Amino acid sequence: MLINLTPHPVTVFDGDTPILTIPPSGTVARLTETATEAPPIGGVAVTSVRLGKTTGLPEQQDGVTYIVSMPLLMGVMTSATWQRRDLVYPYGQVRDADGRIIGCRGLARIRS
């Protein structure tokens, strides 16, 4: 079972054809962050971001895979307690004629 923890529908495409849309579950998994100013590089402002806790991420359940954002998954992976294999993110962006993201080609896991 796939549960979408993003705030928008995830539509999977095969070529130009949408084959599956997973609606948002109503729960949004988020990753907190703390931003501080860092020294500029080549005259360009730099922000130092520390990733924090996740919110809205349920406990693992047998047979359930959660769709989350790639930044959230990367943040979870970098934590000292990384043990989750039930998280995926939309992979292979599909864009409309105006360049807006309208879907993905599939789902991806990040290997540790």
PDB file of N, CA and C in Angstrom:
ATOM      1  N   MET A   1       0.838  -1.171   0.000  1.00  0.00           N
ATOM      2  CA  MET A   1       0.000   0.000   0.000  1.00  0.00           C
ATOM      3  C   MET A   1       0.892   1.247   0.000  1.00  0.00           C
ATOM      4  N   LEU A   2       0.545   2.205  -0.836  1.00  0.00           N
ATOM      5  CA  LEU A   2       1.249   3.486  -0.908  1.00  0.00           C
ATOM      6  C   LEU A   2       0.432   4.561  -0.206  1.00  0.00           C
ATOM      7  N   ILE A   3       1.087   5.314   0.679  1.00  0.00           N
ATOM      8  CA  ILE A   3       0.439   6.437   1.347  1.00  0.00           C
ATOM      9  C   ILE A   3       1.245   7.686   1.030  1.00  0.00           C
ATOM     10  N   ASN A   4       0.580   8.683   0.480  1.00  0.00           N
ATOM     11  CA  ASN A   4       1.212   9.926   0.054  1.00  0.00           C
ATOM     12  C   ASN A   4       1.230  10.927   1.202  1.00  0.00           C
ATOM     13  N   LEU A   5       2.427  11.205   1.719  1.00  0.00           N
ATOM     14  CA  LEU A   5       2.583  12.169   2.817  1.00  0.00           C
ATOM     15  C   LEU A   5       3.052  13.527   2.323  1.00  0.00           C
ATOM     16  N   THR A   6       2.824  13.827   1.022  1.00  0.00           N
ATOM     17  CA  THR A   6       3.118  15.151   0.480  1.00  0.00           C
ATOM     18  C   THR A   6       1.795  15.918   0.398  1.00  0.00           C
ATOM     19  N   PRO A   7       1.846  17.238   0.212  1.00  0.00           N
ATOM     20  CA  PRO A   7       0.596  18.012   0.182  1.00  0.00           C
ATOM     21  C   PRO A   7      -0.115  18.013  -1.170  1.00  0.00           C
ATOM     22  N   HIS A   8       0.411  17.293  -2.158  1.00  0.00           N
ATOM     23  CA  HIS A   8      -0.185  17.317  -3.495  1.00  0.00           C
ATOM     24  C   HIS A   8      -0.285  15.899  -4.055  1.00  0.00           C
ATOM     25  N   PRO A   9      -1.169  15.678  -5.025  1.00  0.00           N
ATOM     26  CA  PRO A   9      -1.260  14.354  -5.641  1.00  0.00           C
ATOM     27  C   PRO A   9       0.059  14.001  -6.334  1.00  0.00           C
ATOM     28  N   VAL A  10       0.406  12.729  -6.322  1.00  0.00           N
ATOM     29  CA  VAL A  10       1.583  12.242  -7.051  1.00  0.00           C
ATOM     30  C   VAL A  10       1.053  11.432  -8.229  1.00  0.00           C
ATOM     31  N   THR A  11       1.324  11.937  -9.436  1.00  0.00           N
ATOM     32  CA  THR A  11       0.869  11.266 -10.651  1.00  0.00           C
ATOM     33  C   THR A  11       2.059  10.619 -11.337  1.00  0.00           C
ATOM     34  N   VAL A  12       1.927   9.317 -11.598  1.00  0.00           N
ATOM     35  CA  VAL A  12       2.984   8.548 -12.251  1.00  0.00           C
ATOM     36  C   VAL A  12       2.631   8.406 -13.730  1.00  0.00           C
ATOM     37  N   PHE A  13       3.631   8.687 -14.586  1.00  0.00           N
ATOM     38  CA  PHE A  13       3.445   8.628 -16.035  1.00  0.00           C
ATOM     39  C   PHE A  13       4.199   7.459 -16.647  1.00  0.00           C
ATOM     40  N   ASP A  14       3.614   6.887 -17.694  1.00  0.00           N
ATOM     41  CA  ASP A  14       4.295   5.948 -18.582  1.00  0.00           C
ATOM     42  C   ASP A  14       4.316   6.641 -19.930  1.00  0.00           C
ATOM     43  N   GLY A  15       5.486   7.165 -20.308  1.00  0.00           N
ATOM     44  CA  GLY A  15       5.557   8.000 -21.507  1.00  0.00           C
ATOM     45  C   GLY A  15       4.784   9.278 -21.260  1.00  0.00           C
ATOM     46  N   ASP A  16       3.807   9.563 -22.128  1.00  0.00           N
ATOM     47  CA  ASP A  16       2.972  10.754 -21.970  1.00  0.00           C
ATOM     48  C   ASP A  16       1.654  10.460 -21.266  1.00  0.00           C
ATOM     49  N   THR A  17       1.479   9.213 -20.826  1.00  0.00           N
ATOM     50  CA  THR A  17       0.200   8.795 -20.270  1.00  0.00           C
ATOM     51  C   THR A  17       0.256   8.653 -18.749  1.00  0.00           C
ATOM     52  N   PRO A  18      -0.607   9.380 -18.037  1.00  0.00           N
ATOM     53  CA  PRO A  18      -0.681   9.166 -16.593  1.00  0.00           C
ATOM     54  C   PRO A  18      -1.303   7.798 -16.313  1.00  0.00           C
ATOM     55  N   ILE A  19      -0.643   7.002 -15.463  1.00  0.00           N
ATOM     56  CA  ILE A  19      -1.133   5.645 -15.195  1.00  0.00           C
ATOM     57  C   ILE A  19      -1.630   5.457 -13.763  1.00  0.00           C
ATOM     58  N   LEU A  20      -1.236   6.371 -12.871  1.00  0.00           N
ATOM     59  CA  LEU A  20      -1.645   6.242 -11.475  1.00  0.00           C
ATOM     60  C   LEU A  20      -1.515   7.596 -10.793  1.00  0.00           C
ATOM     61  N   THR A  21      -2.522   7.967 -10.028  1.00  0.00           N
ATOM     62  CA  THR A  21      -2.435   9.165  -9.193  1.00  0.00           C
ATOM     63  C   THR A  21      -2.700   8.754  -7.756  1.00  0.00           C
ATOM     64  N   ILE A  22      -1.739   9.091  -6.891  1.00  0.00           N
ATOM     65  CA  ILE A  22      -1.871   8.792  -5.470  1.00  0.00           C
ATOM     66  C   ILE A  22      -2.236  10.108  -4.775  1.00  0.00           C
ATOM     67  N   PRO A  23      -3.452  10.219  -4.258  1.00  0.00           N
ATOM     68  CA  PRO A  23      -3.872  11.479  -3.635  1.00  0.00           C
ATOM     69  C   PRO A  23      -3.150  11.701  -2.312  1.00  0.00           C
ATOM     70  N   PRO A  24      -3.064  12.960  -1.876  1.00  0.00           N
ATOM     71  CA  PRO A  24      -2.486  13.216  -0.556  1.00  0.00           C
ATOM     72  C   PRO A  24      -3.334  12.543   0.522  1.00  0.00           C
ATOM     73  N   SER A  25      -2.672  12.064   1.547  1.00  0.00           N
ATOM     74  CA  SER A  25      -3.379  11.348   2.619  1.00  0.00           C
ATOM     75  C   SER A  25      -4.065  12.292   3.601  1.00  0.00           C
ATOM     76  N   GLY A  26      -3.658  13.557   3.571  1.00  0.00           N
ATOM     77  CA  GLY A  26      -4.163  14.505   4.559  1.00  0.00           C
ATOM     78  C   GLY A  26      -3.140  14.761   5.657  1.00  0.00           C
ATOM     79  N   THR A  27      -2.153  13.888   5.772  1.00  0.00           N
ATOM     80  CA  THR A  27      -1.034  14.085   6.686  1.00  0.00           C
ATOM     81  C   THR A  27       0.171  14.458   5.849  1.00  0.00           C
ATOM     82  N   VAL A  28       0.863  15.528   6.222  1.00  0.00           N
ATOM     83  CA  VAL A  28       2.044  15.957   5.481  1.00  0.00           C
ATOM     84  C   VAL A  28       3.267  15.766   6.363  1.00  0.00           C
ATOM     85  N   ALA A  29       4.217  14.972   5.882  1.00  0.00           N
ATOM     86  CA  ALA A  29       5.483  14.797   6.593  1.00  0.00           C
ATOM     87  C   ALA A  29       6.387  15.969   6.236  1.00  0.00           C
ATOM     88  N   ARG A  30       6.935  16.593   7.248  1.00  0.00           N
ATOM     89  CA  ARG A  30       7.793  17.751   7.031  1.00  0.00           C
ATOM     90  C   ARG A  30       9.094  17.574   7.794  1.00  0.00           C
ATOM     91  N   LEU A  31      10.101  18.289   7.347  1.00  0.00           N
ATOM     92  CA  LEU A  31      11.417  18.285   7.967  1.00  0.00           C
ATOM     93  C   LEU A  31      11.693  19.691   8.458  1.00  0.00           C
ATOM     94  N   THR A  32      11.939  19.836   9.741  1.00  0.00           N
ATOM     95  CA  THR A  32      12.249  21.163  10.263  1.00  0.00           C
ATOM     96  C   THR A  32      13.680  21.528   9.884  1.00  0.00           C
ATOM     97  N   GLU A  33      13.936  22.814   9.815  1.00  0.00           N
ATOM     98  CA  GLU A  33      15.291  23.284   9.519  1.00  0.00           C
ATOM     99  C   GLU A  33      15.547  24.587  10.250  1.00  0.00           C
ATOM    100  N   THR A  34      16.815  24.797  10.550  1.00  0.00           N
ATOM    101  CA  THR A  34      17.261  26.032  11.167  1.00  0.00           C
ATOM    102  C   THR A  34      18.257  26.674  10.223  1.00  0.00           C
ATOM    103  N   ALA A  35      18.001  27.912   9.840  1.00  0.00           N
ATOM    104  CA  ALA A  35      18.872  28.607   8.888  1.00  0.00           C
ATOM    105  C   ALA A  35      19.623  29.734   9.588  1.00  0.00           C
ATOM    106  N   THR A  36      20.907  29.838   9.285  1.00  0.00           N
ATOM    107  CA  THR A  36      21.721  30.937   9.797  1.00  0.00           C
ATOM    108  C   THR A  36      22.555  31.500   8.656  1.00  0.00           C
ATOM    109  N   GLU A  37      22.880  32.768   8.779  1.00  0.00           N
ATOM    110  CA  GLU A  37      23.716  33.414   7.771  1.00  0.00           C
ATOM    111  C   GLU A  37      25.135  32.864   7.852  1.00  0.00           C
ATOM    112  N   ALA A  38      25.729  32.638   6.689  1.00  0.00           N
ATOM    113  CA  ALA A  38      27.118  32.181   6.619  1.00  0.00           C
ATOM    114  C   ALA A  38      27.904  33.214   5.821  1.00  0.00           C
ATOM    115  N   PRO A  39      29.230  33.159   5.874  1.00  0.00           N
ATOM    116  CA  PRO A  39      30.017  34.116   5.098  1.00  0.00           C
ATOM    117  C   PRO A  39      29.714  33.996   3.600  1.00  0.00           C
ATOM    118  N   PRO A  40      29.621  35.119   2.913  1.00  0.00           N
ATOM    119  CA  PRO A  40      29.343  35.079   1.475  1.00  0.00           C
ATOM    120  C   PRO A  40      30.497  34.423   0.705  1.00  0.00           C
ATOM    121  N   ILE A  41      30.146  33.890  -0.442  1.00  0.00           N
ATOM    122  CA  ILE A  41      31.138  33.288  -1.331  1.00  0.00           C
ATOM    123  C   ILE A  41      31.092  34.052  -2.651  1.00  0.00           C
ATOM    124  N   GLY A  42      32.192  34.670  -3.009  1.00  0.00           N
ATOM    125  CA  GLY A  42      32.246  35.431  -4.261  1.00  0.00           C
ATOM    126  C   GLY A  42      31.194  36.514  -4.331  1.00  0.00           C
ATOM    127  N   GLY A  43      30.861  37.119  -3.192  1.00  0.00           N
ATOM    128  CA  GLY A  43      29.864  38.180  -3.178  1.00  0.00           C
ATOM    129  C   GLY A  43      28.429  37.686  -3.156  1.00  0.00           C
ATOM    130  N   VAL A  44      28.240  36.373  -3.076  1.00  0.00           N
ATOM    131  CA  VAL A  44      26.890  35.806  -3.071  1.00  0.00           C
ATOM    132  C   VAL A  44      26.544  35.363  -1.651  1.00  0.00           C
ATOM    133  N   ALA A  45      25.354  35.747  -1.193  1.00  0.00           N
ATOM    134  CA  ALA A  45      24.901  35.373   0.150  1.00  0.00           C
ATOM    135  C   ALA A  45      24.819  33.854   0.274  1.00  0.00           C
ATOM    136  N   VAL A  46      25.220  33.347   1.433  1.00  0.00           N
ATOM    137  CA  VAL A  46      25.163  31.907   1.710  1.00  0.00           C
ATOM    138  C   VAL A  46      24.400  31.707   3.019  1.00  0.00           C
ATOM    139  N   THR A  47      23.538  30.716   3.019  1.00  0.00           N
ATOM    140  CA  THR A  47      22.799  30.354   4.220  1.00  0.00           C
ATOM    141  C   THR A  47      23.227  28.956   4.637  1.00  0.00           C
ATOM    142  N   SER A  48      23.497  28.791   5.920  1.00  0.00           N
ATOM    143  CA  SER A  48      23.837  27.485   6.476  1.00  0.00           C
ATOM    144  C   SER A  48      22.553  26.890   7.055  1.00  0.00           C
ATOM    145  N   VAL A  49      22.189  25.692   6.597  1.00  0.00           N
ATOM    146  CA  VAL A  49      20.940  25.070   7.018  1.00  0.00           C
ATOM    147  C   VAL A  49      21.242  23.797   7.798  1.00  0.00           C
ATOM    148  N   ARG A  50      20.671  23.705   8.985  1.00  0.00           N
ATOM    149  CA  ARG A  50      20.770  22.486   9.796  1.00  0.00           C
ATOM    150  C   ARG A  50      19.405  21.809   9.750  1.00  0.00           C
ATOM    151  N   LEU A  51      19.387  20.560   9.296  1.00  0.00           N
ATOM    152  CA  LEU A  51      18.145  19.802   9.238  1.00  0.00           C
ATOM    153  C   LEU A  51      17.798  19.307  10.630  1.00  0.00           C
ATOM    154  N   GLY A  52      16.513  19.340  10.949  1.00  0.00           N
ATOM    155  CA  GLY A  52      16.069  18.967  12.282  1.00  0.00           C
ATOM    156  C   GLY A  52      15.176  17.744  12.279  1.00  0.00           C
ATOM    157  N   LYS A  53      14.176  17.792  13.100  1.00  0.00           N
ATOM    158  CA  LYS A  53      13.264  16.672  13.286  1.00  0.00           C
ATOM    159  C   LYS A  53      12.230  16.612  12.165  1.00  0.00           C
ATOM    160  N   THR A  54      11.673  15.430  11.992  1.00  0.00           N
ATOM    161  CA  THR A  54      10.553  15.272  11.074  1.00  0.00           C
ATOM    162  C   THR A  54       9.256  15.357  11.874  1.00  0.00           C
ATOM    163  N   THR A  55       8.243  15.855  11.214  1.00  0.00           N
ATOM    164  CA  THR A  55       6.903  15.866  11.794  1.00  0.00           C
ATOM    165  C   THR A  55       5.970  15.206  10.795  1.00  0.00           C
ATOM    166  N   GLY A  56       4.935  14.573  11.283  1.00  0.00           N
ATOM    167  CA  GLY A  56       3.938  13.962  10.410  1.00  0.00           C
ATOM    168  C   GLY A  56       4.364  12.651   9.794  1.00  0.00           C
ATOM    169  N   LEU A  57       5.459  12.060  10.250  1.00  0.00           N
ATOM    170  CA  LEU A  57       5.951  10.800   9.681  1.00  0.00           C
ATOM    171  C   LEU A  57       5.517   9.653  10.591  1.00  0.00           C
ATOM    172  N   PRO A  58       4.591   8.820  10.120  1.00  0.00           N
ATOM    173  CA  PRO A  58       4.109   7.716  10.952  1.00  0.00           C
ATOM    174  C   PRO A  58       5.204   6.668  11.188  1.00  0.00           C
ATOM    175  N   GLU A  59       4.969   5.830  12.168  1.00  0.00           N
ATOM    176  CA  GLU A  59       5.848   4.690  12.412  1.00  0.00           C
ATOM    177  C   GLU A  59       5.737   3.713  11.244  1.00  0.00           C
ATOM    178  N   GLN A  60       6.759   2.906  11.064  1.00  0.00           N
ATOM    179  CA  GLN A  60       6.736   1.889  10.018  1.00  0.00           C
ATOM    180  C   GLN A  60       5.592   0.905  10.279  1.00  0.00           C
ATOM    181  N   GLN A  61       4.986   0.436   9.172  1.00  0.00           N
ATOM    182  CA  GLN A  61       3.939  -0.580   9.240  1.00  0.00           C
ATOM    183  C   GLN A  61       4.214  -1.610   8.163  1.00  0.00           C
ATOM    184  N   ASP A  62       4.028  -2.859   8.463  1.00  0.00           N
ATOM    185  CA  ASP A  62       4.217  -3.906   7.464  1.00  0.00           C
ATOM    186  C   ASP A  62       3.313  -3.657   6.261  1.00  0.00           C
ATOM    187  N   GLY A  63       3.893  -3.752   5.078  1.00  0.00           N
ATOM    188  CA  GLY A  63       3.126  -3.616   3.844  1.00  0.00           C
ATOM    189  C   GLY A  63       2.793  -2.194   3.439  1.00  0.00           C
ATOM    190  N   VAL A  64       3.307  -1.193   4.155  1.00  0.00           N
ATOM    191  CA  VAL A  64       3.005   0.212   3.841  1.00  0.00           C
ATOM    192  C   VAL A  64       4.288   0.921   3.417  1.00  0.00           C
ATOM    193  N   THR A  65       4.211   1.632   2.298  1.00  0.00           N
ATOM    194  CA  THR A  65       5.309   2.474   1.824  1.00  0.00           C
ATOM    195  C   THR A  65       4.790   3.899   1.781  1.00  0.00           C
ATOM    196  N   TYR A  66       5.586   4.816   2.339  1.00  0.00           N
ATOM    197  CA  TYR A  66       5.191   6.218   2.399  1.00  0.00           C
ATOM    198  C   TYR A  66       5.918   7.022   1.335  1.00  0.00           C
ATOM    199  N   ILE A  67       5.161   7.854   0.613  1.00  0.00           N
ATOM    200  CA  ILE A  67       5.742   8.783  -0.350  1.00  0.00           C
ATOM    201  C   ILE A  67       5.993  10.095   0.386  1.00  0.00           C
ATOM    202  N   VAL A  68       7.249  10.543   0.365  1.00  0.00           N
ATOM    203  CA  VAL A  68       7.650  11.784   1.024  1.00  0.00           C
ATOM    204  C   VAL A  68       8.462  12.613   0.031  1.00  0.00           C
ATOM    205  N   SER A  69       8.842  13.807   0.425  1.00  0.00           N
ATOM    206  CA  SER A  69       9.696  14.627  -0.435  1.00  0.00           C
ATOM    207  C   SER A  69      11.133  14.111  -0.371  1.00  0.00           C
ATOM    208  N   MET A  70      11.899  14.372  -1.423  1.00  0.00           N
ATOM    209  CA  MET A  70      13.301  13.969  -1.423  1.00  0.00           C
ATOM    210  C   MET A  70      14.085  14.656  -0.298  1.00  0.00           C
ATOM    211  N   PRO A  71      13.903  15.972  -0.042  1.00  0.00           N
ATOM    212  CA  PRO A  71      14.633  16.576   1.074  1.00  0.00           C
ATOM    213  C   PRO A  71      14.338  15.908   2.412  1.00  0.00           C
ATOM    214  N   LEU A  72      13.067  15.549   2.656  1.00  0.00           N
ATOM    215  CA  LEU A  72      12.742  14.878   3.903  1.00  0.00           C
ATOM    216  C   LEU A  72      13.459  13.535   3.987  1.00  0.00           C
ATOM    217  N   LEU A  73      13.419  12.773   2.912  1.00  0.00           N
ATOM    218  CA  LEU A  73      14.085  11.469   2.912  1.00  0.00           C
ATOM    219  C   LEU A  73      15.584  11.615   3.131  1.00  0.00           C
ATOM    220  N   MET A  74      16.193  12.612   2.512  1.00  0.00           N
ATOM    221  CA  MET A  74      17.621  12.849   2.711  1.00  0.00           C
ATOM    222  C   MET A  74      17.908  13.239   4.157  1.00  0.00           C
ATOM    223  N   GLY A  75      17.043  14.038   4.751  1.00  0.00           N
ATOM    224  CA  GLY A  75      17.222  14.424   6.147  1.00  0.00           C
ATOM    225  C   GLY A  75      17.100  13.240   7.084  1.00  0.00           C
ATOM    226  N   VAL A  76      16.135  12.369   6.820  1.00  0.00           N
ATOM    227  CA  VAL A  76      15.964  11.176   7.650  1.00  0.00           C
ATOM    228  C   VAL A  76      17.187  10.274   7.511  1.00  0.00           C
ATOM    229  N   MET A  77      17.703  10.152   6.289  1.00  0.00           N
ATOM    230  CA  MET A  77      18.869   9.287   6.047  1.00  0.00           C
ATOM    231  C   MET A  77      20.106   9.753   6.793  1.00  0.00           C
ATOM    232  N   THR A  78      20.251  11.054   6.976  1.00  0.00           N
ATOM    233  CA  THR A  78      21.459  11.565   7.612  1.00  0.00           C
ATOM    234  C   THR A  78      21.380  11.507   9.129  1.00  0.00           C
ATOM    235  N   SER A  79      20.222  11.132   9.661  1.00  0.00           N
ATOM    236  CA  SER A  79      20.111  11.048  11.114  1.00  0.00           C
ATOM    237  C   SER A  79      20.840   9.806  11.620  1.00  0.00           C
ATOM    238  N   ALA A  80      21.248   9.867  12.862  1.00  0.00           N
ATOM    239  CA  ALA A  80      21.993   8.763  13.467  1.00  0.00           C
ATOM    240  C   ALA A  80      21.138   7.514  13.612  1.00  0.00           C
ATOM    241  N   THR A  81      19.832   7.674  13.532  1.00  0.00           N
ATOM    242  CA  THR A  81      18.936   6.536  13.745  1.00  0.00           C
ATOM    243  C   THR A  81      18.331   6.017  12.441  1.00  0.00           C
ATOM    244  N   TRP A  82      18.984   6.259  11.316  1.00  0.00           N
ATOM    245  CA  TRP A  82      18.444   5.830  10.011  1.00  0.00           C
ATOM    246  C   TRP A  82      18.254   4.328   9.982  1.00  0.00           C
ATOM    247  N   GLN A  83      17.015   3.900   9.915  1.00  0.00           N
ATOM    248  CA  GLN A  83      16.712   2.476   9.801  1.00  0.00           C
ATOM    249  C   GLN A  83      15.465   2.253   8.959  1.00  0.00           C
ATOM    250  N   ARG A  84      14.985   3.268   8.267  1.00  0.00           N
ATOM    251  CA  ARG A  84      13.720   3.163   7.539  1.00  0.00           C
ATOM    252  C   ARG A  84      13.950   2.751   6.104  1.00  0.00           C
ATOM    253  N   ARG A  85      13.211   1.736   5.656  1.00  0.00           N
ATOM    254  CA  ARG A  85      13.240   1.310   4.264  1.00  0.00           C
ATOM    255  C   ARG A  85      11.859   1.449   3.632  1.00  0.00           C
ATOM    256  N   ASP A  86      10.956   2.144   4.341  1.00  0.00           N
ATOM    257  CA  ASP A  86       9.579   2.268   3.880  1.00  0.00           C
ATOM    258  C   ASP A  86       9.272   3.630   3.270  1.00  0.00           C
ATOM    259  N   LEU A  87      10.328   4.409   2.951  1.00  0.00           N
ATOM    260  CA  LEU A  87      10.134   5.755   2.420  1.00  0.00           C
ATOM    261  C   LEU A  87      10.644   5.840   0.990  1.00  0.00           C
ATOM    262  N   VAL A  88       9.850   6.455   0.120  1.00  0.00           N
ATOM    263  CA  VAL A  88      10.219   6.693  -1.271  1.00  0.00           C
ATOM    264  C   VAL A  88       9.849   8.124  -1.627  1.00  0.00           C
ATOM    265  N   TYR A  89      10.394   8.605  -2.743  1.00  0.00           N
ATOM    266  CA  TYR A  89      10.037   9.945  -3.219  1.00  0.00           C
ATOM    267  C   TYR A  89       9.784   9.896  -4.719  1.00  0.00           C
ATOM    268  N   PRO A  90       8.978  10.857  -5.245  1.00  0.00           N
ATOM    269  CA  PRO A  90       8.721  10.892  -6.686  1.00  0.00           C
ATOM    270  C   PRO A  90      10.036  11.101  -7.448  1.00  0.00           C
ATOM    271  N   TYR A  91      10.236  10.325  -8.514  1.00  0.00           N
ATOM    272  CA  TYR A  91      11.503  10.358  -9.253  1.00  0.00           C
ATOM    273  C   TYR A  91      11.239  10.475 -10.753  1.00  0.00           C
ATOM    274  N   GLY A  92      12.083  11.242 -11.423  1.00  0.00           N
ATOM    275  CA  GLY A  92      11.955  11.407 -12.874  1.00  0.00           C
ATOM    276  C   GLY A  92      10.839  12.382 -13.212  1.00  0.00           C
ATOM    277  N   GLN A  93      11.078  13.640 -12.980  1.00  0.00           N
ATOM    278  CA  GLN A  93      10.049  14.669 -13.160  1.00  0.00           C
ATOM    279  C   GLN A  93       9.475  14.682 -14.573  1.00  0.00           C
ATOM    280  N   VAL A  94       8.163  14.851 -14.636  1.00  0.00           N
ATOM    281  CA  VAL A  94       7.447  15.060 -15.900  1.00  0.00           C
ATOM    282  C   VAL A  94       6.930  16.488 -15.859  1.00  0.00           C
ATOM    283  N   ARG A  95       7.210  17.246 -16.921  1.00  0.00           N
ATOM    284  CA  ARG A  95       6.810  18.661 -16.971  1.00  0.00           C
ATOM    285  C   ARG A  95       5.843  18.902 -18.118  1.00  0.00           C
ATOM    286  N   ASP A  96       4.996  19.903 -17.932  1.00  0.00           N
ATOM    287  CA  ASP A  96       4.089  20.295 -19.013  1.00  0.00           C
ATOM    288  C   ASP A  96       4.817  21.249 -19.961  1.00  0.00           C
ATOM    289  N   ALA A  97       4.107  21.747 -20.961  1.00  0.00           N
ATOM    290  CA  ALA A  97       4.712  22.609 -21.977  1.00  0.00           C
ATOM    291  C   ALA A  97       5.260  23.905 -21.395  1.00  0.00           C
ATOM    292  N   ASP A  98       4.754  24.319 -20.232  1.00  0.00           N
ATOM    293  CA  ASP A  98       5.235  25.537 -19.577  1.00  0.00           C
ATOM    294  C   ASP A  98       6.340  25.268 -18.554  1.00  0.00           C
ATOM    295  N   GLY A  99       6.770  24.016 -18.454  1.00  0.00           N
ATOM    296  CA  GLY A  99       7.855  23.667 -17.543  1.00  0.00           C
ATOM    297  C   GLY A  99       7.425  23.343 -16.121  1.00  0.00           C
ATOM    298  N   ARG A 100       6.120  23.327 -15.869  1.00  0.00           N
ATOM    299  CA  ARG A 100       5.639  22.994 -14.523  1.00  0.00           C
ATOM    300  C   ARG A 100       5.666  21.485 -14.314  1.00  0.00           C
ATOM    301  N   ILE A 101       6.054  21.068 -13.119  1.00  0.00           N
ATOM    302  CA  ILE A 101       6.060  19.638 -12.802  1.00  0.00           C
ATOM    303  C   ILE A 101       4.620  19.158 -12.668  1.00  0.00           C
ATOM    304  N   ILE A 102       4.283  18.109 -13.426  1.00  0.00           N
ATOM    305  CA  ILE A 102       2.929  17.555 -13.378  1.00  0.00           C
ATOM    306  C   ILE A 102       2.917  16.100 -12.930  1.00  0.00           C
ATOM    307  N   GLY A 103       4.094  15.526 -12.751  1.00  0.00           N
ATOM    308  CA  GLY A 103       4.137  14.128 -12.328  1.00  0.00           C
ATOM    309  C   GLY A 103       5.555  13.601 -12.311  1.00  0.00           C
ATOM    310  N   CYS A 104       5.646  12.271 -12.255  1.00  0.00           N
ATOM    311  CA  CYS A 104       6.949  11.613 -12.195  1.00  0.00           C
ATOM    312  C   CYS A 104       6.903  10.329 -13.010  1.00  0.00           C
ATOM    313  N   ARG A 105       8.069   9.753 -13.247  1.00  0.00           N
ATOM    314  CA  ARG A 105       8.169   8.480 -13.981  1.00  0.00           C
ATOM    315  C   ARG A 105       8.066   7.278 -13.061  1.00  0.00           C
ATOM    316  N   GLY A 106       8.297   7.518 -11.766  1.00  0.00           N
ATOM    317  CA  GLY A 106       8.238   6.418 -10.795  1.00  0.00           C
ATOM    318  C   GLY A 106       8.603   6.930  -9.420  1.00  0.00           C
ATOM    319  N   LEU A 107       8.973   5.999  -8.559  1.00  0.00           N
ATOM    320  CA  LEU A 107       9.348   6.318  -7.187  1.00  0.00           C
ATOM    321  C   LEU A 107      10.767   5.835  -6.957  1.00  0.00           C
ATOM    322  N   ALA A 108      11.484   6.452  -6.011  1.00  0.00           N
ATOM    323  CA  ALA A 108      12.875   6.083  -5.755  1.00  0.00           C
ATOM    324  C   ALA A 108      13.130   5.972  -4.267  1.00  0.00           C
ATOM    325  N   ARG A 109      14.110   5.106  -3.951  1.00  0.00           N
ATOM    326  CA  ARG A 109      14.648   5.005  -2.594  1.00  0.00           C
ATOM    327  C   ARG A 109      16.085   5.524  -2.653  1.00  0.00           C
ATOM    328  N   ILE A 110      16.572   5.980  -1.531  1.00  0.00           N
ATOM    329  CA  ILE A 110      17.978   6.370  -1.438  1.00  0.00           C
ATOM    330  C   ILE A 110      18.702   5.259  -0.696  1.00  0.00           C
ATOM    331  N   ARG A 111      19.759   4.770  -1.316  1.00  0.00           N
ATOM    332  CA  ARG A 111      20.538   3.708  -0.664  1.00  0.00           C
ATOM    333  C   ARG A 111      21.552   4.326   0.268  1.00  0.00           C
ATOM    334  N   SER A 112      21.749   3.692   1.390  1.00  0.00           N
ATOM    335  CA  SER A 112      22.739   4.189   2.351  1.00  0.00           C
ATOM    336  C   SER A 112      24.120   3.624   2.021  1.00  0.00           C
TER     337      SER A 112
END
